[in-house]
Amino acid sequence: MRIPRRFLGMRWWLGLSFAGVAALTAVAVVGVLNARSERAFRKYAEAFAIGRTVIAAEALKHDATAAMLRRDAAALAARRGVRLYVFDAHGKLMTPPLSRGVRWAEVPNRAEAKAAALSGSRYIHGHPDGSEFVVALPIRQGAGAALVTDSRQRGLQAALGIIRNEFLQAALIAFAVAAALGLLIATFTARRLRRIAHAASAIGAGDFTAAVSGRFPDEVGSLAFSIEQMRTQLQELFITLERDRDRLERLLHRLNEGVLLVDRHLNVEFANGRARELLGVGEHLDECKLTDQEAHVALRQLVRDVFGKGVPGQMRIADGERVLNISGIPPGEGGEAAIVVVQDESQQERNERVQREFATNASHELRTPLASIVTAVEMLQTGAKDDPAANDEFLEVIAREAARLTRLTRALLVLARAGVGDETPRIAHVPIAPLLEQVASSLPRRDGVDIAVDCPLALVIAGDADLLEQALSSVAANAIEHTTAGSVTMRGRRENGSVVIEVADTGSGISPRDRGRIFDRFYRAGDREGGFGLGLSIAREAVGALGGEIELDSDAATGTTVRITLARAEDGT
C-alpha cells in the first residue's frame, strides 16, 4: 500500500528537523569545545614559555662573564627551541641580535618587555591564538641583568588545527547520523500515522473492519488506541443499527400498507414491497405506474405540499378498479425525507358495494314472496275464501311462497353466520359415499336428466357432515336446475392426500363473462330465472368453513363441473 503524499512530506520535513537540531547542537558543541581547547592550549603555551624562560634565567645567572653568557645563551636557545636575548644593567644587548633566525628588532613588544625586566619585574605577552609568547625576567646574578625570550609554538598550533578538524568531522558525522536517524524515525512515525489515517478513512467510509494497533505507549500509540476504541464502539453501534434497521424493514415489508420515504426532490429512499406492488414505484416518484395520469399528478403534488406546507396531507384516488388512500407525513426536525403511507381500500370498497347489493337484493327477494302472500291473503279476505277453487288456489300460493321465504331466510342465515365466523365446523369422521347418496336422493327429479354417484365406500374425511351436505346440496340443486337433458354426476376420489368431490352436469354451461361473479351473492348468470342466486355463495362459504377450496370449470358444449377439495382426508376401515 502506498504512503499518502502528505505522510511522505512529513517524513522529509521531520527528518530535516532532526538534522537541523543535530546541526545546531553539533555547532554549539564544536564551538564550546573549540573555545575550551584554545584556552587550554594558550595556557599550556604560556606556561611552557614561562617555564623555559625561568629555566634559562636560572642557568644564565651563573655566568660571570659576557663570553660565558653568550655561549650558554646560544646553547639554551638551541636546546630549548626558544629565542634568547640577554641585556646588561644598562640595557645593552649582550647576546647576538639574531637568535634562531629572528632578530631582536622583530620581537613584538620588545621595548616593554626589556624595560620590565630591567626594572626587576616579569613581563608576559602572548598572541591571541597562543602561537607566540614574549616573556621577560630579571637575572638576579651573573653578568646579565635582564632576559627576554620569544617562544613560537608552531607544533601546538598544528595540534590545535588537528583538533579543530576532528571536531568538524565529528560534527558532520553527528549531523549525518542525526539526519538518518531523524529520517528513520519520521518514516516509522509516518507509517504509523498512515495506518491510523487509513483506519480513520475506512471508518469515515463506513468500513469498521480495519483494526488499528498501537504497539508503543507513546502519543501516536495513544492516538491509535483511542481510534481503535472509537472503531470498536462504532462497529458495535453500526451492528446494532443494522440489526434494528433489518428488523424495521422486515416489519415494514410485512405491513399490508405501502410505506415510502421520499425526499423533497421526489427521490424514493425506501419503499416496502406493498408500496412497490400498489404504486409500481422505482427510484423516483415519477416512475410509479399508476394507470390514471391525474392520480399520478395528484400524488406528486401531495408530496410537494407536505414539504412546502410542513403539515400532513391525505387524498383518495381511484386507479382503475383500485381505490387507494394515500397519506403524507412531513419530515421531523432535521429530517430530509417525508413518509408516504398507501392503503388499498379496494377490498373495503368492494365489500361495501357487495353489502349494499346484498341489502338491495335481499330486500327485493324478501319483498317478492311477501307481496305474493299479502296479495293472496287480501284476495281471501275479499271473498275468495268462499269459493272453494279460489280458496285452494290462494292457499297453495301462500304455502308455496312461505316455503320460498323459509328457504331464503335459511340461506341468508347460513351466509350471515359464515360471514361473522359463527359457522364453526363440528369435526368428525364423515364417509363421503353415503353423504353423496343422501344428497342425490333429495334432489328433485327432471325428465331426461339422470343423477349418478361414483365414489369408493372407504373414502372418509375429518369434517362437518352438515356443512358438507349443505355445500353439496346447493351445488347439485344448481346443476339440476340448469340441466335440461343428460346427467348430473357426483364423484369422490383421493388425490395427493386430499379428498376431491366433483359435481358434473351436462347443462348449458356458464359464459366466461359470468364465471368471475358466479359465487357472488344474489348473482344469476345470464338471463336465467328462478332461485335466489345464493346456492353457490352458500357452497363457497360452507367449503371455506371446512378449510377447503371450491372451483368451477364450465363449457357450453360439455356443461359445468364444480370441484371441491378438502384437506385432512383419511381412509376408513
Protein backbone atom coordinates (compact mmCIF):
# COMPACT_ATOMS: atom_id res chain seq x y z
CA MET A 1 0.00 0.00 0.00
CA ARG A 2 1.42 3.39 -0.98
CA ILE A 3 2.10 6.01 1.66
CA PRO A 4 -0.06 9.12 1.12
CA ARG A 5 1.81 12.18 -0.20
CA ARG A 6 1.20 14.19 2.96
CA PHE A 7 2.94 11.49 5.02
CA LEU A 8 5.87 11.43 2.56
CA GLY A 9 6.19 15.20 3.04
CA MET A 10 6.05 14.79 6.79
CA ARG A 11 8.76 12.15 6.61
CA TRP A 12 11.15 14.59 4.90
CA TRP A 13 10.44 17.69 6.95
CA LEU A 14 10.58 15.71 10.19
CA GLY A 15 13.91 14.18 9.10
CA LEU A 16 15.23 17.61 8.16
CA SER A 17 14.04 18.94 11.51
CA PHE A 18 16.04 16.23 13.27
CA ALA A 19 19.03 17.08 11.07
CA GLY A 20 18.69 20.80 11.80
CA VAL A 21 18.52 20.21 15.52
CA ALA A 22 21.56 17.92 15.26
CA ALA A 23 23.45 20.53 13.22
CA LEU A 24 22.72 23.31 15.71
CA THR A 25 23.73 21.03 18.56
CA ALA A 26 26.93 20.00 16.80
CA VAL A 27 27.84 23.63 16.01
CA ALA A 28 27.24 24.63 19.61
CA VAL A 29 29.27 21.70 20.96
CA VAL A 30 32.11 22.27 18.48
CA GLY A 31 32.14 25.99 19.34
CA VAL A 32 32.33 25.30 23.06
CA LEU A 33 34.96 22.58 22.69
CA ASN A 34 36.99 24.71 20.28
CA ALA A 35 36.96 27.68 22.65
CA ARG A 36 37.94 25.49 25.60
CA SER A 37 40.66 23.84 23.56
CA GLU A 38 42.06 27.18 22.51
CA ARG A 39 42.10 28.42 26.11
CA ALA A 40 43.72 25.22 27.28
CA PHE A 41 46.35 25.31 24.53
CA ARG A 42 47.03 29.03 25.19
CA LYS A 43 47.52 28.38 28.89
CA TYR A 44 49.76 25.45 28.09
CA ALA A 45 51.81 27.52 25.65
CA GLU A 46 52.05 30.37 28.13
CA ALA A 47 53.18 28.05 30.91
CA PHE A 48 55.60 26.37 28.54
CA ALA A 49 57.09 29.73 27.50
CA ILE A 50 57.37 30.93 31.12
CA GLY A 51 58.95 27.66 32.20
CA ARG A 52 61.59 27.76 29.52
CA THR A 53 62.35 31.41 30.35
CA VAL A 54 62.69 30.66 34.06
CA ILE A 55 64.99 27.71 33.35
CA ALA A 56 67.13 29.89 31.07
CA ALA A 57 67.34 32.69 33.67
CA GLU A 58 68.37 30.22 36.37
CA ALA A 59 71.08 28.81 34.10
CA LEU A 60 72.44 32.22 33.00
CA LYS A 61 72.74 33.67 36.48
CA HIS A 62 75.78 31.51 37.00
CA ASP A 63 77.69 33.11 34.09
CA ALA A 64 80.09 35.64 35.48
CA THR A 65 81.50 36.85 32.15
CA ALA A 66 79.91 38.03 28.93
CA ALA A 67 81.60 35.27 26.93
CA MET A 68 80.23 32.55 29.17
CA LEU A 69 76.81 34.15 28.99
CA ARG A 70 76.81 34.30 25.18
CA ARG A 71 77.91 30.65 25.00
CA ASP A 72 75.29 29.36 27.43
CA ALA A 73 72.55 31.51 25.86
CA ALA A 74 73.26 30.04 22.45
CA ALA A 75 73.23 26.52 23.89
CA LEU A 76 69.98 27.11 25.77
CA ALA A 77 68.31 28.63 22.72
CA ALA A 78 69.28 25.62 20.62
CA ARG A 79 68.32 23.06 23.26
CA ARG A 80 65.06 24.67 24.41
CA GLY A 81 63.88 25.85 21.00
CA VAL A 82 63.48 29.41 22.23
CA ARG A 83 64.95 32.76 21.15
CA LEU A 84 67.07 34.33 23.91
CA TYR A 85 68.07 37.97 24.24
CA VAL A 86 70.20 39.00 27.32
CA PHE A 87 70.82 42.62 28.40
CA ASP A 88 73.22 44.10 30.94
CA ALA A 89 72.24 46.52 33.64
CA HIS A 90 72.47 49.45 31.19
CA GLY A 91 70.10 47.81 28.73
CA LYS A 92 72.84 46.88 26.27
CA LEU A 93 72.26 43.63 24.31
CA MET A 94 74.89 41.13 25.36
CA THR A 95 73.83 38.25 23.05
CA PRO A 96 73.76 38.36 19.25
CA PRO A 97 70.77 40.31 17.84
CA LEU A 98 69.80 37.26 15.74
CA SER A 99 68.55 34.25 17.68
CA ARG A 100 67.22 31.18 15.86
CA GLY A 101 66.51 33.22 12.76
CA VAL A 102 64.62 36.03 14.50
CA ARG A 103 66.22 39.45 15.03
CA TRP A 104 65.67 41.44 18.14
CA ALA A 105 64.03 44.15 16.12
CA GLU A 106 61.32 41.62 15.02
CA VAL A 107 60.29 40.64 18.55
CA PRO A 108 56.84 42.07 19.36
CA ASN A 109 56.58 44.38 22.42
CA ARG A 110 60.34 44.14 22.90
CA ALA A 111 60.75 47.60 24.48
CA GLU A 112 58.07 46.98 27.15
CA ALA A 113 59.49 43.55 27.86
CA LYS A 114 63.08 44.82 28.25
CA ALA A 115 62.03 47.75 30.42
CA ALA A 116 60.00 45.49 32.74
CA ALA A 117 62.85 43.01 33.14
CA LEU A 118 65.47 45.74 33.82
CA SER A 119 63.16 47.17 36.44
CA GLY A 120 63.04 43.80 38.18
CA SER A 121 59.53 42.84 37.04
CA ARG A 122 58.23 39.95 34.98
CA TYR A 123 56.60 40.62 31.64
CA ILE A 124 54.42 38.22 29.66
CA HIS A 125 52.74 38.97 26.34
CA GLY A 126 51.12 36.37 24.10
CA HIS A 127 49.47 36.30 20.72
CA PRO A 128 45.65 35.83 20.91
CA ASP A 129 45.86 32.42 19.26
CA GLY A 130 48.64 31.27 21.63
CA SER A 131 51.15 30.76 18.81
CA GLU A 132 53.77 33.19 20.23
CA PHE A 133 54.69 34.40 23.71
CA VAL A 134 57.25 37.07 24.74
CA VAL A 135 58.48 36.64 28.34
CA ALA A 136 60.96 38.91 30.16
CA LEU A 137 62.57 38.18 33.54
CA PRO A 138 65.33 39.86 35.58
CA ILE A 139 68.58 37.88 36.09
CA ARG A 140 69.48 38.22 39.74
CA GLN A 141 73.18 37.28 39.45
CA GLY A 142 75.95 36.99 36.94
CA ALA A 143 76.92 39.19 34.04
CA GLY A 144 73.44 39.64 32.63
CA ALA A 145 70.69 41.79 34.13
CA ALA A 146 67.59 41.01 32.04
CA LEU A 147 66.39 38.10 29.85
CA VAL A 148 63.79 38.34 27.06
CA THR A 149 62.55 35.16 25.30
CA ASP A 150 60.39 34.75 22.22
CA SER A 151 58.61 31.34 22.13
CA ARG A 152 56.77 30.40 18.97
CA GLN A 153 54.64 27.16 19.38
CA ARG A 154 54.11 26.02 15.84
CA GLY A 155 53.56 22.43 16.93
CA LEU A 156 50.85 23.39 19.36
CA GLN A 157 49.14 25.43 16.68
CA ALA A 158 49.18 22.45 14.33
CA ALA A 159 47.77 20.21 17.06
CA LEU A 160 45.03 22.74 17.67
CA GLY A 161 44.22 22.72 13.97
CA ILE A 162 44.02 18.92 14.01
CA ILE A 163 41.68 19.03 16.97
CA ARG A 164 39.54 21.59 15.19
CA ASN A 165 39.37 19.35 12.13
CA GLU A 166 38.42 16.40 14.32
CA PHE A 167 35.71 18.45 15.91
CA LEU A 168 34.38 19.43 12.48
CA GLN A 169 34.42 15.83 11.27
CA ALA A 170 32.68 14.71 14.42
CA ALA A 171 30.06 17.43 13.89
CA LEU A 172 29.49 16.33 10.29
CA ILE A 173 29.19 12.69 11.38
CA ALA A 174 26.76 13.66 14.13
CA PHE A 175 24.74 15.69 11.60
CA ALA A 176 24.59 12.76 9.17
CA VAL A 177 23.69 10.25 11.90
CA ALA A 178 21.04 12.58 13.29
CA ALA A 179 19.60 13.20 9.81
CA ALA A 180 19.48 9.46 9.07
CA LEU A 181 18.03 8.71 12.49
CA GLY A 182 15.51 11.54 12.09
CA LEU A 183 14.51 10.26 8.67
CA LEU A 184 14.15 6.74 10.06
CA ILE A 185 12.05 7.92 13.00
CA ALA A 186 9.99 10.16 10.71
CA THR A 187 9.41 7.27 8.30
CA PHE A 188 8.40 4.98 11.13
CA THR A 189 6.10 7.65 12.58
CA ALA A 190 4.66 8.38 9.13
CA ARG A 191 3.88 4.70 8.61
CA ARG A 192 2.15 4.53 11.96
CA LEU A 193 0.18 7.68 11.20
CA ARG A 194 -0.58 6.31 7.74
CA ARG A 195 -2.14 3.21 9.30
CA ILE A 196 -4.16 5.42 11.63
CA ALA A 197 -5.24 7.65 8.72
CA HIS A 198 -6.18 4.59 6.66
CA ALA A 199 -8.31 3.26 9.52
CA ALA A 200 -9.90 6.69 10.06
CA SER A 201 -10.70 6.97 6.33
CA ALA A 202 -12.21 3.48 6.39
CA ILE A 203 -14.32 4.42 9.41
CA GLY A 204 -15.44 7.58 7.61
CA ALA A 205 -16.46 5.43 4.62
CA GLY A 206 -18.45 3.08 6.86
CA ASP A 207 -15.91 0.23 6.97
CA PHE A 208 -15.30 -0.79 10.58
CA THR A 209 -13.24 -3.93 9.88
CA ALA A 210 -9.78 -2.28 9.68
CA ALA A 211 -8.27 -2.59 13.17
CA VAL A 212 -5.72 -0.06 14.48
CA SER A 213 -2.82 -1.35 16.60
CA GLY A 214 -0.75 0.86 18.90
CA ARG A 215 2.39 -1.10 19.73
CA PHE A 216 4.29 1.66 21.52
CA PRO A 217 2.93 3.52 24.53
CA ASP A 218 3.68 6.98 23.10
CA GLU A 219 1.39 9.76 21.88
CA VAL A 220 0.91 8.11 18.48
CA GLY A 221 0.15 4.82 20.22
CA SER A 222 -2.39 6.60 22.45
CA LEU A 223 -3.99 8.09 19.34
CA ALA A 224 -4.14 4.66 17.72
CA PHE A 225 -5.66 3.19 20.90
CA SER A 226 -8.29 5.95 21.02
CA ILE A 227 -9.21 5.44 17.36
CA GLU A 228 -9.37 1.68 17.89
CA GLN A 229 -11.75 2.20 20.82
CA MET A 230 -13.83 4.54 18.68
CA ARG A 231 -13.84 1.98 15.82
CA THR A 232 -14.97 -0.80 18.16
CA GLN A 233 -17.75 1.31 19.63
CA LEU A 234 -18.88 2.50 16.20
CA GLN A 235 -18.79 -1.08 14.91
CA GLU A 236 -21.00 -2.24 17.78
CA LEU A 237 -23.32 0.72 17.21
CA PHE A 238 -23.38 0.03 13.47
CA ILE A 239 -24.21 -3.64 14.04
CA THR A 240 -26.98 -2.64 16.43
CA LEU A 241 -28.35 -0.08 13.97
CA GLU A 242 -28.15 -2.57 11.09
CA ARG A 243 -29.96 -5.17 13.19
CA ASP A 244 -32.63 -2.63 14.16
CA ARG A 245 -32.85 -1.46 10.57
CA ASP A 246 -33.30 -5.03 9.33
CA ARG A 247 -36.00 -5.61 11.91
CA LEU A 248 -37.73 -2.39 10.92
CA GLU A 249 -37.51 -3.23 7.22
CA ARG A 250 -38.85 -6.73 7.83
CA LEU A 251 -41.68 -5.23 9.84
CA LEU A 252 -42.42 -2.67 7.13
CA HIS A 253 -42.33 -5.34 4.44
CA ARG A 254 -44.87 -7.37 6.40
CA LEU A 255 -47.33 -4.47 6.62
CA ASN A 256 -50.45 -4.55 4.49
CA GLU A 257 -49.96 -0.84 3.85
CA GLY A 258 -47.39 0.60 1.49
CA VAL A 259 -44.69 2.76 3.14
CA LEU A 260 -42.29 5.07 1.25
CA LEU A 261 -39.56 7.51 2.26
CA VAL A 262 -39.40 10.35 -0.30
CA ASP A 263 -37.06 13.35 -0.29
CA ARG A 264 -38.00 16.84 -1.47
CA HIS A 265 -36.70 16.01 -4.97
CA LEU A 266 -39.17 13.09 -5.12
CA ASN A 267 -36.38 10.52 -4.93
CA VAL A 268 -37.58 7.31 -3.26
CA GLU A 269 -35.14 6.43 -0.47
CA PHE A 270 -37.12 3.40 0.72
CA ALA A 271 -40.22 1.54 -0.36
CA ASN A 272 -41.57 -1.66 1.15
CA GLY A 273 -42.89 -4.46 -1.00
CA ARG A 274 -46.52 -3.40 -0.59
CA ALA A 275 -45.74 0.13 -1.81
CA ARG A 276 -43.95 -1.19 -4.89
CA GLU A 277 -46.90 -3.51 -5.52
CA LEU A 278 -49.54 -0.78 -5.19
CA LEU A 279 -47.71 2.05 -6.94
CA GLY A 280 -45.12 0.22 -9.04
CA VAL A 281 -42.64 2.83 -7.83
CA GLY A 282 -38.91 2.72 -8.64
CA GLU A 283 -36.06 5.04 -7.65
CA HIS A 284 -38.14 8.18 -8.32
CA LEU A 285 -41.75 9.01 -7.67
CA ASP A 286 -42.21 9.88 -11.35
CA GLU A 287 -41.58 6.21 -12.13
CA CYS A 288 -44.73 4.98 -10.35
CA LYS A 289 -47.03 3.04 -12.65
CA LEU A 290 -50.46 4.45 -11.88
CA THR A 291 -52.73 3.96 -14.86
CA ASP A 292 -54.61 7.20 -14.17
CA GLN A 293 -52.39 10.16 -15.11
CA GLU A 294 -54.44 12.56 -12.98
CA ALA A 295 -53.86 10.31 -9.96
CA HIS A 296 -50.14 10.34 -10.75
CA VAL A 297 -50.07 14.15 -10.82
CA ALA A 298 -52.10 14.34 -7.61
CA LEU A 299 -49.65 12.02 -5.83
CA ARG A 300 -46.66 14.19 -6.76
CA GLN A 301 -48.50 17.33 -5.71
CA LEU A 302 -49.36 15.75 -2.33
CA VAL A 303 -45.67 15.09 -1.60
CA ARG A 304 -44.68 18.62 -2.69
CA ASP A 305 -47.36 20.11 -0.42
CA VAL A 306 -46.11 18.01 2.51
CA PHE A 307 -42.63 19.54 2.12
CA GLY A 308 -43.87 23.02 1.26
CA LYS A 309 -46.51 23.42 3.97
CA GLY A 310 -44.94 21.15 6.58
CA VAL A 311 -48.29 19.63 7.57
CA PRO A 312 -49.69 16.14 6.92
CA GLY A 313 -51.76 15.62 3.79
CA GLN A 314 -54.20 12.97 2.63
CA MET A 315 -56.05 12.08 -0.56
CA ARG A 316 -58.12 9.30 -2.05
CA ILE A 317 -57.56 8.26 -5.65
CA ALA A 318 -59.23 5.77 -7.94
CA ASP A 319 -56.81 3.97 -10.26
CA GLY A 320 -58.78 1.66 -12.48
CA GLU A 321 -60.60 -0.79 -10.24
CA ARG A 322 -58.42 0.10 -7.26
CA VAL A 323 -59.17 2.70 -4.60
CA LEU A 324 -56.06 3.99 -2.78
CA ASN A 325 -55.98 6.15 0.33
CA ILE A 326 -52.61 8.00 0.45
CA SER A 327 -51.31 9.92 3.49
CA GLY A 328 -48.23 12.13 3.57
CA ILE A 329 -46.31 12.88 6.78
CA PRO A 330 -43.75 15.74 6.71
CA PRO A 331 -40.16 15.09 7.87
CA GLY A 332 -39.35 15.65 11.51
CA GLU A 333 -36.93 18.26 12.81
CA GLY A 334 -33.63 17.81 10.98
CA GLY A 335 -35.13 15.14 8.71
CA GLU A 336 -34.87 15.14 4.94
CA ALA A 337 -37.47 12.53 3.93
CA ALA A 338 -41.25 12.52 4.15
CA ILE A 339 -43.27 9.39 4.88
CA VAL A 340 -45.95 8.33 2.41
CA VAL A 341 -48.42 5.65 3.52
CA VAL A 342 -50.58 3.93 0.89
CA GLN A 343 -53.65 1.90 1.88
CA ASP A 344 -55.51 -0.26 -0.61
CA GLU A 345 -59.19 0.22 0.15
CA SER A 346 -60.32 -1.64 -2.95
CA GLN A 347 -61.48 -4.66 -0.97
CA GLN A 348 -63.22 -2.48 1.56
CA GLU A 349 -64.89 -0.62 -1.29
CA ARG A 350 -65.90 -3.89 -2.89
CA ASN A 351 -67.17 -5.20 0.46
CA GLU A 352 -69.25 -2.09 0.96
CA ARG A 353 -70.60 -2.41 -2.58
CA VAL A 354 -71.38 -6.08 -2.03
CA GLN A 355 -73.11 -5.25 1.24
CA ARG A 356 -75.20 -2.59 -0.48
CA GLU A 357 -76.04 -5.02 -3.27
CA PHE A 358 -76.76 -7.74 -0.72
CA ALA A 359 -79.12 -5.50 1.19
CA THR A 360 -80.84 -4.39 -2.02
CA ASN A 361 -81.12 -7.91 -3.43
CA ALA A 362 -82.19 -9.44 -0.10
CA SER A 363 -84.82 -6.75 0.27
CA HIS A 364 -86.06 -7.47 -3.23
CA GLU A 365 -86.04 -11.24 -2.77
CA LEU A 366 -87.85 -11.00 0.57
CA ARG A 367 -90.38 -8.49 -0.80
CA THR A 368 -91.46 -10.74 -3.71
CA PRO A 369 -92.79 -13.74 -1.68
CA LEU A 370 -94.16 -11.41 0.98
CA ALA A 371 -96.05 -9.48 -1.71
CA SER A 372 -97.50 -12.72 -3.07
CA ILE A 373 -98.57 -13.84 0.40
CA VAL A 374 -100.11 -10.44 1.20
CA THR A 375 -101.97 -10.41 -2.12
CA ALA A 376 -103.32 -13.94 -1.56
CA VAL A 377 -104.47 -13.02 1.96
CA GLU A 378 -106.18 -9.89 0.69
CA MET A 379 -107.94 -11.90 -2.01
CA LEU A 380 -109.15 -14.42 0.54
CA GLN A 381 -110.35 -11.65 2.80
CA THR A 382 -112.31 -10.05 -0.01
CA GLY A 383 -114.40 -13.21 -0.61
CA ALA A 384 -112.21 -15.69 -2.44
CA LYS A 385 -112.33 -17.90 0.64
CA ASP A 386 -115.98 -18.61 -0.11
CA ASP A 387 -115.03 -20.03 -3.49
CA PRO A 388 -113.53 -23.49 -2.85
CA ALA A 389 -111.43 -23.46 -6.06
CA ALA A 390 -110.13 -19.96 -5.48
CA ASN A 391 -109.60 -20.69 -1.80
CA ASP A 392 -107.42 -23.69 -2.59
CA GLU A 393 -105.51 -21.75 -5.24
CA PHE A 394 -104.69 -18.86 -2.92
CA LEU A 395 -103.80 -21.19 -0.03
CA GLU A 396 -101.41 -23.02 -2.38
CA VAL A 397 -99.81 -19.67 -3.29
CA ILE A 398 -99.44 -18.84 0.39
CA ALA A 399 -97.88 -22.24 1.16
CA ARG A 400 -95.53 -22.04 -1.84
CA GLU A 401 -94.34 -18.50 -1.14
CA ALA A 402 -94.00 -19.26 2.60
CA ALA A 403 -91.77 -22.22 1.76
CA ARG A 404 -89.78 -19.97 -0.61
CA LEU A 405 -89.48 -17.38 2.13
CA THR A 406 -88.33 -20.06 4.60
CA ARG A 407 -85.62 -21.28 2.21
CA LEU A 408 -84.44 -17.76 1.57
CA THR A 409 -84.33 -16.97 5.27
CA ARG A 410 -82.36 -20.15 5.97
CA ALA A 411 -79.89 -19.33 3.17
CA LEU A 412 -79.40 -15.78 4.44
CA LEU A 413 -78.86 -17.13 7.95
CA VAL A 414 -76.16 -19.52 6.73
CA LEU A 415 -74.38 -16.73 4.85
CA ALA A 416 -74.61 -14.35 7.82
CA ARG A 417 -73.26 -16.93 10.28
CA ALA A 418 -70.40 -17.81 7.92
CA GLY A 419 -69.59 -14.13 7.40
CA VAL A 420 -69.12 -13.49 11.13
CA GLY A 421 -67.38 -16.82 11.77
CA ASP A 422 -70.20 -18.40 13.74
CA GLU A 423 -70.49 -21.37 11.38
CA THR A 424 -67.89 -23.43 13.30
CA PRO A 425 -67.37 -26.95 11.88
CA ARG A 426 -68.03 -29.91 14.18
CA ILE A 427 -65.15 -32.19 13.30
CA ALA A 428 -65.98 -35.88 12.90
CA HIS A 429 -65.29 -38.75 10.51
CA VAL A 430 -67.62 -38.30 7.55
CA PRO A 431 -67.94 -41.10 4.96
CA ILE A 432 -68.29 -39.46 1.56
CA ALA A 433 -70.20 -42.16 -0.41
CA PRO A 434 -73.30 -42.30 1.92
CA LEU A 435 -73.39 -38.50 2.02
CA LEU A 436 -73.41 -38.26 -1.78
CA GLU A 437 -76.19 -40.89 -1.97
CA GLN A 438 -78.24 -38.90 0.55
CA VAL A 439 -77.81 -35.66 -1.41
CA ALA A 440 -78.68 -37.42 -4.70
CA SER A 441 -81.86 -38.87 -3.22
CA SER A 442 -83.01 -35.44 -2.01
CA LEU A 443 -82.67 -33.75 -5.41
CA PRO A 444 -85.80 -33.03 -7.45
CA ARG A 445 -86.21 -35.27 -10.49
CA ARG A 446 -86.40 -33.97 -14.03
CA ASP A 447 -87.39 -35.89 -17.11
CA GLY A 448 -84.40 -36.65 -19.29
CA VAL A 449 -81.83 -36.00 -16.52
CA ASP A 450 -80.06 -38.87 -14.77
CA ILE A 451 -78.49 -38.49 -11.30
CA ALA A 452 -75.47 -40.74 -10.62
CA VAL A 453 -72.98 -41.24 -7.75
CA ASP A 454 -69.42 -42.55 -8.25
CA CYS A 455 -67.43 -42.81 -5.01
CA PRO A 456 -65.44 -45.54 -3.19
CA LEU A 457 -67.00 -46.62 0.08
CA ALA A 458 -63.72 -46.26 2.04
CA LEU A 459 -63.34 -42.52 1.30
CA VAL A 460 -63.61 -40.57 4.57
CA ILE A 461 -62.83 -37.00 5.64
CA ALA A 462 -62.46 -35.35 9.04
CA GLY A 463 -65.05 -32.55 8.86
CA ASP A 464 -68.61 -31.39 9.48
CA ALA A 465 -71.24 -33.51 7.74
CA ASP A 466 -73.95 -30.79 7.89
CA LEU A 467 -71.75 -28.14 6.29
CA LEU A 468 -70.55 -30.51 3.57
CA GLU A 469 -74.14 -31.67 2.86
CA GLN A 470 -75.28 -28.05 2.64
CA ALA A 471 -72.50 -27.23 0.16
CA LEU A 472 -73.15 -30.35 -1.99
CA SER A 473 -76.93 -29.83 -1.91
CA SER A 474 -76.55 -26.24 -3.10
CA VAL A 475 -74.18 -27.21 -5.93
CA ALA A 476 -76.23 -30.24 -7.01
CA ALA A 477 -79.51 -28.30 -6.90
CA ASN A 478 -77.94 -25.61 -9.07
CA ALA A 479 -76.78 -28.31 -11.51
CA ILE A 480 -80.26 -29.91 -11.72
CA GLU A 481 -81.88 -26.51 -12.21
CA HIS A 482 -79.71 -25.68 -15.23
CA THR A 483 -79.59 -29.13 -16.88
CA THR A 484 -82.49 -29.93 -19.21
CA ALA A 485 -81.08 -33.17 -20.64
CA GLY A 486 -78.22 -35.51 -19.89
CA SER A 487 -76.92 -36.22 -16.38
CA VAL A 488 -75.71 -34.86 -13.07
CA THR A 489 -72.88 -36.97 -11.65
CA MET A 490 -71.36 -36.70 -8.17
CA ARG A 491 -67.89 -38.25 -7.86
CA GLY A 492 -65.42 -38.63 -4.98
CA ARG A 493 -61.76 -39.64 -5.06
CA ARG A 494 -58.48 -39.43 -3.19
CA GLU A 495 -55.90 -37.13 -4.78
CA ASN A 496 -52.48 -36.07 -3.38
CA GLY A 497 -53.51 -36.60 0.25
CA SER A 498 -56.79 -34.73 -0.14
CA VAL A 499 -60.38 -35.62 -0.99
CA VAL A 500 -61.77 -34.23 -4.25
CA ILE A 501 -65.56 -34.16 -4.77
CA GLU A 502 -66.91 -33.19 -8.17
CA VAL A 503 -70.46 -32.35 -9.25
CA ALA A 504 -70.56 -32.50 -13.06
CA ASP A 505 -73.57 -31.70 -15.24
CA THR A 506 -74.26 -31.65 -18.98
CA GLY A 507 -76.17 -28.41 -18.85
CA SER A 508 -75.80 -25.22 -20.86
CA GLY A 509 -72.63 -24.13 -19.10
CA ILE A 510 -71.64 -20.69 -17.84
CA SER A 511 -70.29 -17.94 -20.08
CA PRO A 512 -66.77 -16.57 -19.39
CA ARG A 513 -68.35 -13.19 -18.57
CA ASP A 514 -70.31 -14.69 -15.67
CA ARG A 515 -67.65 -17.01 -14.21
CA GLY A 516 -65.92 -14.24 -12.30
CA ARG A 517 -69.06 -13.46 -10.28
CA ILE A 518 -70.79 -16.82 -10.22
CA PHE A 519 -70.06 -17.25 -6.49
CA ASP A 520 -71.32 -13.74 -5.58
CA ARG A 521 -74.48 -13.47 -3.54
CA PHE A 522 -77.73 -12.95 -5.46
CA TYR A 523 -75.89 -13.18 -8.76
CA ARG A 524 -77.74 -15.04 -11.53
CA ALA A 525 -75.78 -15.99 -14.61
CA GLY A 526 -77.15 -14.63 -17.88
CA ASP A 527 -80.90 -14.22 -18.11
CA ARG A 528 -81.72 -17.27 -16.04
CA GLU A 529 -84.76 -17.06 -13.83
CA GLY A 530 -85.70 -18.89 -10.66
CA GLY A 531 -83.74 -19.35 -7.46
CA PHE A 532 -82.20 -16.61 -5.34
CA GLY A 533 -78.63 -16.59 -6.67
CA LEU A 534 -77.42 -17.82 -3.28
CA GLY A 535 -76.71 -21.53 -3.89
CA LEU A 536 -73.09 -21.25 -4.99
CA SER A 537 -72.43 -18.48 -2.44
CA ILE A 538 -73.64 -20.83 0.32
CA ALA A 539 -71.46 -23.63 -1.07
CA ARG A 540 -68.38 -21.38 -1.09
CA GLU A 541 -68.93 -20.22 2.49
CA ALA A 542 -69.52 -23.78 3.72
CA VAL A 543 -66.43 -25.15 1.97
CA GLY A 544 -64.38 -22.25 3.33
CA ALA A 545 -65.58 -23.04 6.87
CA LEU A 546 -64.36 -26.63 6.31
CA GLY A 547 -60.91 -25.35 5.30
CA GLY A 548 -61.30 -26.46 1.69
CA GLU A 549 -61.38 -24.90 -1.76
CA ILE A 550 -64.05 -24.73 -4.44
CA GLU A 551 -63.53 -24.07 -8.12
CA LEU A 552 -65.52 -24.27 -11.31
CA ASP A 553 -64.91 -25.35 -14.92
CA SER A 554 -67.59 -24.72 -17.50
CA ASP A 555 -68.06 -25.07 -21.23
CA ALA A 556 -71.16 -24.51 -23.31
CA ALA A 557 -70.61 -27.80 -25.16
CA THR A 558 -69.88 -30.10 -22.22
CA GLY A 559 -71.57 -28.45 -19.22
CA THR A 560 -70.23 -27.41 -15.82
CA THR A 561 -68.05 -29.17 -13.24
CA VAL A 562 -67.79 -27.83 -9.68
CA ARG A 563 -64.77 -29.24 -7.82
CA ILE A 564 -64.49 -29.24 -4.01
CA THR A 565 -61.09 -30.09 -2.45
CA LEU A 566 -60.97 -30.91 1.25
CA ALA A 567 -57.85 -31.36 3.35
CA ARG A 568 -57.16 -33.80 6.20
CA ALA A 569 -58.57 -36.77 4.29
CA GLU A 570 -58.38 -40.25 5.86
CA ASP A 571 -59.20 -43.72 4.59
CA GLY A 572 -61.91 -45.56 6.51
CA THR A 573 -61.55 -49.16 7.57
